[in-house]
Amino acid sequence: MKKLNYQIFYYIIKEMMNNNVITENALATNLEVSERTIRRYIKILKDRKVIFLEGYGEKRIWIVNDKFFKDNLLK
């Protein structure tokens, strides 16, 4: 298993807070990593209830659990 890069977690969360309709492709392009890598990190964040996907189709938006983010990642 590859070692997780916490800077990628931080970047994904920060971008989702600034732009709740950002795509996995845009995140991958900005970070210069594969979409598969982004999907892996997003799955971990969703499993830990840090982020949520709300809506359907083109009206999907990312919701960031601000309390979790502030309490655990900004220390």
N, C-alpha and C. Protein backbone atom coordinates (compact mmCIF):
# COMPACT_ATOMS: atom_id res chain seq x y z
N MET A 1 0.84 -1.18 0.00
CA MET A 1 0.00 0.00 0.00
C MET A 1 0.89 1.25 0.00
N LYS A 2 0.52 2.21 -0.82
CA LYS A 2 1.30 3.44 -0.91
C LYS A 2 1.08 4.31 0.32
N LYS A 3 2.11 5.05 0.66
CA LYS A 3 2.03 5.98 1.77
C LYS A 3 1.14 7.16 1.38
N LEU A 4 0.25 7.57 2.29
CA LEU A 4 -0.65 8.68 2.01
C LEU A 4 0.07 10.01 2.16
N ASN A 5 -0.27 10.94 1.30
CA ASN A 5 0.31 12.27 1.34
C ASN A 5 -0.75 13.21 1.91
N TYR A 6 -0.53 13.68 3.12
CA TYR A 6 -1.53 14.51 3.79
C TYR A 6 -1.68 15.87 3.15
N GLN A 7 -0.71 16.31 2.37
CA GLN A 7 -0.86 17.57 1.64
C GLN A 7 -1.94 17.44 0.57
N ILE A 8 -2.08 16.25 0.02
CA ILE A 8 -3.15 16.02 -0.96
C ILE A 8 -4.50 16.10 -0.28
N PHE A 9 -4.65 15.49 0.89
CA PHE A 9 -5.91 15.61 1.64
C PHE A 9 -6.25 17.08 1.88
N TYR A 10 -5.27 17.82 2.37
CA TYR A 10 -5.47 19.23 2.70
C TYR A 10 -5.89 20.01 1.45
N TYR A 11 -5.20 19.77 0.34
CA TYR A 11 -5.52 20.49 -0.90
C TYR A 11 -6.94 20.17 -1.37
N ILE A 12 -7.31 18.90 -1.36
CA ILE A 12 -8.65 18.50 -1.81
C ILE A 12 -9.71 19.20 -0.96
N ILE A 13 -9.55 19.15 0.35
CA ILE A 13 -10.53 19.77 1.24
C ILE A 13 -10.59 21.28 1.01
N LYS A 14 -9.44 21.90 0.93
CA LYS A 14 -9.40 23.36 0.72
C LYS A 14 -10.08 23.74 -0.59
N GLU A 15 -9.80 23.00 -1.64
CA GLU A 15 -10.42 23.29 -2.94
C GLU A 15 -11.93 23.08 -2.91
N MET A 16 -12.37 22.03 -2.22
CA MET A 16 -13.81 21.77 -2.13
C MET A 16 -14.52 22.84 -1.30
N MET A 17 -13.83 23.40 -0.33
CA MET A 17 -14.42 24.49 0.45
C MET A 17 -14.53 25.75 -0.40
N ASN A 18 -13.59 25.98 -1.29
CA ASN A 18 -13.60 27.16 -2.15
C ASN A 18 -14.47 27.00 -3.38
N ASN A 19 -14.62 25.77 -3.86
CA ASN A 19 -15.37 25.51 -5.09
C ASN A 19 -16.07 24.16 -4.93
N ASN A 20 -17.34 24.21 -4.51
CA ASN A 20 -18.03 22.96 -4.18
C ASN A 20 -18.47 22.15 -5.39
N VAL A 21 -18.17 22.60 -6.59
CA VAL A 21 -18.49 21.81 -7.79
C VAL A 21 -17.22 21.35 -8.52
N ILE A 22 -16.07 21.44 -7.88
CA ILE A 22 -14.81 21.04 -8.52
C ILE A 22 -14.85 19.55 -8.87
N THR A 23 -14.25 19.23 -9.98
CA THR A 23 -14.26 17.84 -10.45
C THR A 23 -12.99 17.11 -10.04
N GLU A 24 -13.08 15.80 -10.07
CA GLU A 24 -11.89 14.98 -9.80
C GLU A 24 -10.81 15.25 -10.84
N ASN A 25 -11.23 15.46 -12.07
CA ASN A 25 -10.29 15.75 -13.14
C ASN A 25 -9.54 17.05 -12.87
N ALA A 26 -10.25 18.08 -12.44
CA ALA A 26 -9.61 19.37 -12.15
C ALA A 26 -8.64 19.24 -10.99
N LEU A 27 -9.03 18.50 -9.95
CA LEU A 27 -8.14 18.29 -8.81
C LEU A 27 -6.87 17.56 -9.25
N ALA A 28 -7.05 16.52 -10.06
CA ALA A 28 -5.91 15.74 -10.55
C ALA A 28 -4.97 16.60 -11.39
N THR A 29 -5.54 17.42 -12.25
CA THR A 29 -4.74 18.29 -13.10
C THR A 29 -3.96 19.30 -12.26
N ASN A 30 -4.64 19.92 -11.31
CA ASN A 30 -3.98 20.92 -10.46
C ASN A 30 -2.86 20.32 -9.62
N LEU A 31 -3.05 19.10 -9.15
CA LEU A 31 -2.04 18.45 -8.31
C LEU A 31 -1.02 17.64 -9.12
N GLU A 32 -1.26 17.50 -10.40
CA GLU A 32 -0.40 16.71 -11.28
C GLU A 32 -0.28 15.26 -10.81
N VAL A 33 -1.44 14.70 -10.48
CA VAL A 33 -1.55 13.28 -10.12
C VAL A 33 -2.67 12.68 -10.97
N SER A 34 -2.83 11.38 -10.91
CA SER A 34 -3.88 10.73 -11.69
C SER A 34 -5.25 10.91 -11.03
N GLU A 35 -6.29 10.76 -11.84
CA GLU A 35 -7.65 10.80 -11.29
C GLU A 35 -7.87 9.65 -10.32
N ARG A 36 -7.23 8.53 -10.59
CA ARG A 36 -7.36 7.38 -9.70
C ARG A 36 -6.83 7.73 -8.30
N THR A 37 -5.73 8.46 -8.24
CA THR A 37 -5.18 8.90 -6.96
C THR A 37 -6.19 9.79 -6.24
N ILE A 38 -6.77 10.74 -6.97
CA ILE A 38 -7.75 11.64 -6.37
C ILE A 38 -8.96 10.85 -5.87
N ARG A 39 -9.44 9.90 -6.67
CA ARG A 39 -10.59 9.09 -6.23
C ARG A 39 -10.26 8.30 -4.97
N ARG A 40 -9.04 7.80 -4.85
CA ARG A 40 -8.63 7.07 -3.66
C ARG A 40 -8.67 7.98 -2.42
N TYR A 41 -8.14 9.17 -2.54
CA TYR A 41 -8.15 10.12 -1.42
C TYR A 41 -9.57 10.57 -1.09
N ILE A 42 -10.38 10.81 -2.10
CA ILE A 42 -11.77 11.21 -1.86
C ILE A 42 -12.53 10.10 -1.15
N LYS A 43 -12.30 8.86 -1.53
CA LYS A 43 -12.97 7.73 -0.86
C LYS A 43 -12.62 7.70 0.63
N ILE A 44 -11.36 7.91 0.94
CA ILE A 44 -10.94 7.93 2.35
C ILE A 44 -11.63 9.06 3.09
N LEU A 45 -11.68 10.24 2.48
CA LEU A 45 -12.34 11.39 3.12
C LEU A 45 -13.83 11.14 3.30
N LYS A 46 -14.47 10.51 2.32
CA LYS A 46 -15.90 10.19 2.44
C LYS A 46 -16.13 9.14 3.52
N ASP A 47 -15.29 8.12 3.56
CA ASP A 47 -15.43 7.07 4.57
C ASP A 47 -15.28 7.61 5.99
N ARG A 48 -14.44 8.64 6.14
CA ARG A 48 -14.21 9.26 7.46
C ARG A 48 -15.17 10.41 7.73
N LYS A 49 -16.12 10.59 6.81
CA LYS A 49 -17.17 11.60 6.94
C LYS A 49 -16.63 13.03 7.03
N VAL A 50 -15.55 13.26 6.31
CA VAL A 50 -14.98 14.61 6.22
C VAL A 50 -15.65 15.37 5.09
N ILE A 51 -15.99 14.67 4.00
CA ILE A 51 -16.67 15.29 2.87
C ILE A 51 -17.88 14.45 2.49
N PHE A 52 -18.84 15.09 1.85
CA PHE A 52 -20.06 14.43 1.39
C PHE A 52 -20.37 14.93 0.00
N LEU A 53 -21.00 14.10 -0.79
CA LEU A 53 -21.46 14.50 -2.11
C LEU A 53 -22.97 14.61 -2.03
N GLU A 54 -23.50 15.75 -2.43
CA GLU A 54 -24.93 15.98 -2.34
C GLU A 54 -25.46 16.32 -3.72
N GLY A 55 -26.65 15.84 -4.02
CA GLY A 55 -27.29 16.11 -5.30
C GLY A 55 -27.06 14.99 -6.30
N TYR A 56 -27.58 15.21 -7.51
CA TYR A 56 -27.51 14.19 -8.55
C TYR A 56 -27.07 14.81 -9.86
N GLY A 57 -26.43 14.00 -10.69
CA GLY A 57 -26.04 14.43 -12.02
C GLY A 57 -25.15 15.65 -12.01
N GLU A 58 -25.50 16.61 -12.85
CA GLU A 58 -24.70 17.83 -12.96
C GLU A 58 -24.93 18.79 -11.80
N LYS A 59 -25.89 18.49 -10.95
CA LYS A 59 -26.17 19.37 -9.81
C LYS A 59 -25.52 18.86 -8.52
N ARG A 60 -24.49 18.01 -8.67
CA ARG A 60 -23.78 17.50 -7.49
C ARG A 60 -22.87 18.59 -6.93
N ILE A 61 -22.82 18.66 -5.61
CA ILE A 61 -21.91 19.58 -4.95
C ILE A 61 -21.22 18.85 -3.80
N TRP A 62 -20.02 19.29 -3.49
CA TRP A 62 -19.26 18.74 -2.37
C TRP A 62 -19.58 19.54 -1.12
N ILE A 63 -19.82 18.83 -0.04
CA ILE A 63 -20.04 19.44 1.26
C ILE A 63 -18.88 19.01 2.15
N VAL A 64 -18.20 19.98 2.76
CA VAL A 64 -17.09 19.69 3.66
C VAL A 64 -17.58 19.84 5.09
N ASN A 65 -17.31 18.82 5.90
CA ASN A 65 -17.65 18.86 7.32
C ASN A 65 -16.67 19.82 7.99
N ASP A 66 -17.05 21.10 8.04
CA ASP A 66 -16.16 22.15 8.55
C ASP A 66 -15.68 21.86 9.96
N LYS A 67 -16.55 21.35 10.80
CA LYS A 67 -16.16 21.11 12.19
C LYS A 67 -15.02 20.09 12.26
N PHE A 68 -15.14 19.01 11.54
CA PHE A 68 -14.08 18.00 11.52
C PHE A 68 -12.78 18.61 11.00
N PHE A 69 -12.90 19.35 9.92
CA PHE A 69 -11.71 19.94 9.30
C PHE A 69 -11.01 20.89 10.27
N LYS A 70 -11.76 21.78 10.88
CA LYS A 70 -11.16 22.75 11.80
C LYS A 70 -10.61 22.08 13.06
N ASP A 71 -11.33 21.11 13.60
CA ASP A 71 -10.91 20.47 14.85
C ASP A 71 -9.70 19.56 14.67
N ASN A 72 -9.58 18.92 13.52
CA ASN A 72 -8.55 17.90 13.35
C ASN A 72 -7.40 18.25 12.42
N LEU A 73 -7.65 19.10 11.46
CA LEU A 73 -6.61 19.32 10.46
C LEU A 73 -5.94 20.69 10.55
N LEU A 74 -6.49 21.60 11.31
CA LEU A 74 -5.90 22.93 11.39
C LEU A 74 -5.15 23.16 12.69
N LYS A 75 -4.83 22.11 13.39
CA LYS A 75 -4.10 22.23 14.66
C LYS A 75 -2.64 22.42 14.40
